[in-house]
Amino acid sequence: MKQDDSQPVTLIGHCMKCKQKREMKNVDMVEIKPGRPAAKGKCSVCDTGMYKIMSKEQAEEYKKAA
């Protein structure tokens, strides 16, 4: 997830409709039921809703970079 400061941070998730790993757009950080951080967004190709469950460290790193 580490990138240069010149490029925006992107998250890769698995799209259930495309059946491939795709870049997520319109990403929001959310918390799922047991208190785990997750990213909620849309598939960049088909616009299907996507979630990516993250560790607490990954979520903190994403928040700092965004």
C-alpha atoms as a PDB file:
ATOM      1  CA  MET A   1       0.000   0.000   0.000  1.00  0.00           C
ATOM      2  CA  LYS A   2       3.013   2.297   0.263  1.00  0.00           C
ATOM      3  CA  GLN A   3       3.354   4.624  -2.694  1.00  0.00           C
ATOM      4  CA  ASP A   4       5.101   7.822  -3.686  1.00  0.00           C
ATOM      5  CA  ASP A   5       3.665  11.107  -2.420  1.00  0.00           C
ATOM      6  CA  SER A   6       3.034  12.170  -6.025  1.00  0.00           C
ATOM      7  CA  GLN A   7       0.518   9.354  -6.653  1.00  0.00           C
ATOM      8  CA  PRO A   8      -2.864   8.999  -4.933  1.00  0.00           C
ATOM      9  CA  VAL A   9      -3.303   5.977  -2.667  1.00  0.00           C
ATOM     10  CA  THR A  10      -5.270   3.165  -4.297  1.00  0.00           C
ATOM     11  CA  LEU A  11      -6.804   0.084  -2.761  1.00  0.00           C
ATOM     12  CA  ILE A  12      -7.150  -3.213  -4.570  1.00  0.00           C
ATOM     13  CA  GLY A  13     -10.122  -5.422  -3.757  1.00  0.00           C
ATOM     14  CA  HIS A  14     -11.733  -8.510  -5.240  1.00  0.00           C
ATOM     15  CA  CYS A  15     -14.797  -7.728  -7.365  1.00  0.00           C
ATOM     16  CA  MET A  16     -17.375 -10.495  -7.027  1.00  0.00           C
ATOM     17  CA  LYS A  17     -19.003  -9.587 -10.344  1.00  0.00           C
ATOM     18  CA  CYS A  18     -15.824  -9.295 -12.472  1.00  0.00           C
ATOM     19  CA  LYS A  19     -14.182 -12.195 -10.584  1.00  0.00           C
ATOM     20  CA  GLN A  20     -10.884 -10.282 -10.607  1.00  0.00           C
ATOM     21  CA  LYS A  21      -8.876  -8.013  -8.363  1.00  0.00           C
ATOM     22  CA  ARG A  22      -9.630  -4.421  -9.281  1.00  0.00           C
ATOM     23  CA  GLU A  23      -8.881  -0.924  -8.082  1.00  0.00           C
ATOM     24  CA  MET A  24     -11.539   0.507  -5.776  1.00  0.00           C
ATOM     25  CA  LYS A  25     -12.960   4.000  -6.355  1.00  0.00           C
ATOM     26  CA  ASN A  26     -14.974   6.242  -4.009  1.00  0.00           C
ATOM     27  CA  VAL A  27     -13.350   4.569  -0.993  1.00  0.00           C
ATOM     28  CA  ASP A  28     -14.713   5.225   2.505  1.00  0.00           C
ATOM     29  CA  MET A  29     -13.285   3.759   5.694  1.00  0.00           C
ATOM     30  CA  VAL A  30     -15.936   1.881   7.697  1.00  0.00           C
ATOM     31  CA  GLU A  31     -16.015  -0.446  10.681  1.00  0.00           C
ATOM     32  CA  ILE A  32     -17.664  -3.841  10.305  1.00  0.00           C
ATOM     33  CA  LYS A  33     -19.536  -5.630  13.075  1.00  0.00           C
ATOM     34  CA  PRO A  34     -16.802  -6.999  15.355  1.00  0.00           C
ATOM     35  CA  GLY A  35     -14.972  -3.636  15.247  1.00  0.00           C
ATOM     36  CA  ARG A  36     -12.636  -4.483  12.370  1.00  0.00           C
ATOM     37  CA  PRO A  37     -11.707  -1.712   9.942  1.00  0.00           C
ATOM     38  CA  ALA A  38     -12.717  -2.094   6.312  1.00  0.00           C
ATOM     39  CA  ALA A  39     -12.725  -0.069   3.118  1.00  0.00           C
ATOM     40  CA  LYS A  40     -15.990   0.305   1.211  1.00  0.00           C
ATOM     41  CA  GLY A  41     -15.932   1.390  -2.411  1.00  0.00           C
ATOM     42  CA  LYS A  42     -16.951   0.663  -5.986  1.00  0.00           C
ATOM     43  CA  CYS A  43     -15.309  -1.422  -8.711  1.00  0.00           C
ATOM     44  CA  SER A  44     -13.535   0.837 -11.186  1.00  0.00           C
ATOM     45  CA  VAL A  45     -14.846  -1.251 -14.124  1.00  0.00           C
ATOM     46  CA  CYS A  46     -18.403  -2.413 -13.373  1.00  0.00           C
ATOM     47  CA  ASP A  47     -19.340  -0.085 -10.459  1.00  0.00           C
ATOM     48  CA  THR A  48     -20.300  -2.993  -8.165  1.00  0.00           C
ATOM     49  CA  GLY A  49     -20.013  -2.380  -4.414  1.00  0.00           C
ATOM     50  CA  MET A  50     -16.811  -3.792  -2.882  1.00  0.00           C
ATOM     51  CA  TYR A  51     -15.415  -4.256   0.619  1.00  0.00           C
ATOM     52  CA  LYS A  52     -11.843  -4.876   1.698  1.00  0.00           C
ATOM     53  CA  ILE A  53     -11.306  -6.055   5.263  1.00  0.00           C
ATOM     54  CA  MET A  54      -8.122  -4.516   6.646  1.00  0.00           C
ATOM     55  CA  SER A  55      -5.901  -4.928   9.660  1.00  0.00           C
ATOM     56  CA  LYS A  56      -5.722  -2.032  12.090  1.00  0.00           C
ATOM     57  CA  GLU A  57      -2.207  -1.249  10.850  1.00  0.00           C
ATOM     58  CA  GLN A  58      -3.337  -1.152   7.204  1.00  0.00           C
ATOM     59  CA  ALA A  59      -6.245   1.136   8.089  1.00  0.00           C
ATOM     60  CA  GLU A  60      -3.987   3.549   9.988  1.00  0.00           C
ATOM     61  CA  GLU A  61      -1.498   3.592   7.086  1.00  0.00           C
ATOM     62  CA  TYR A  62      -4.300   4.310   4.589  1.00  0.00           C
ATOM     63  CA  LYS A  63      -5.709   7.127   6.736  1.00  0.00           C
ATOM     64  CA  LYS A  64      -2.258   8.760   7.008  1.00  0.00           C
ATOM     65  CA  ALA A  65      -1.641   8.517   3.259  1.00  0.00           C
ATOM     66  CA  ALA A  66      -5.084   9.784   2.222  1.00  0.00           C
END
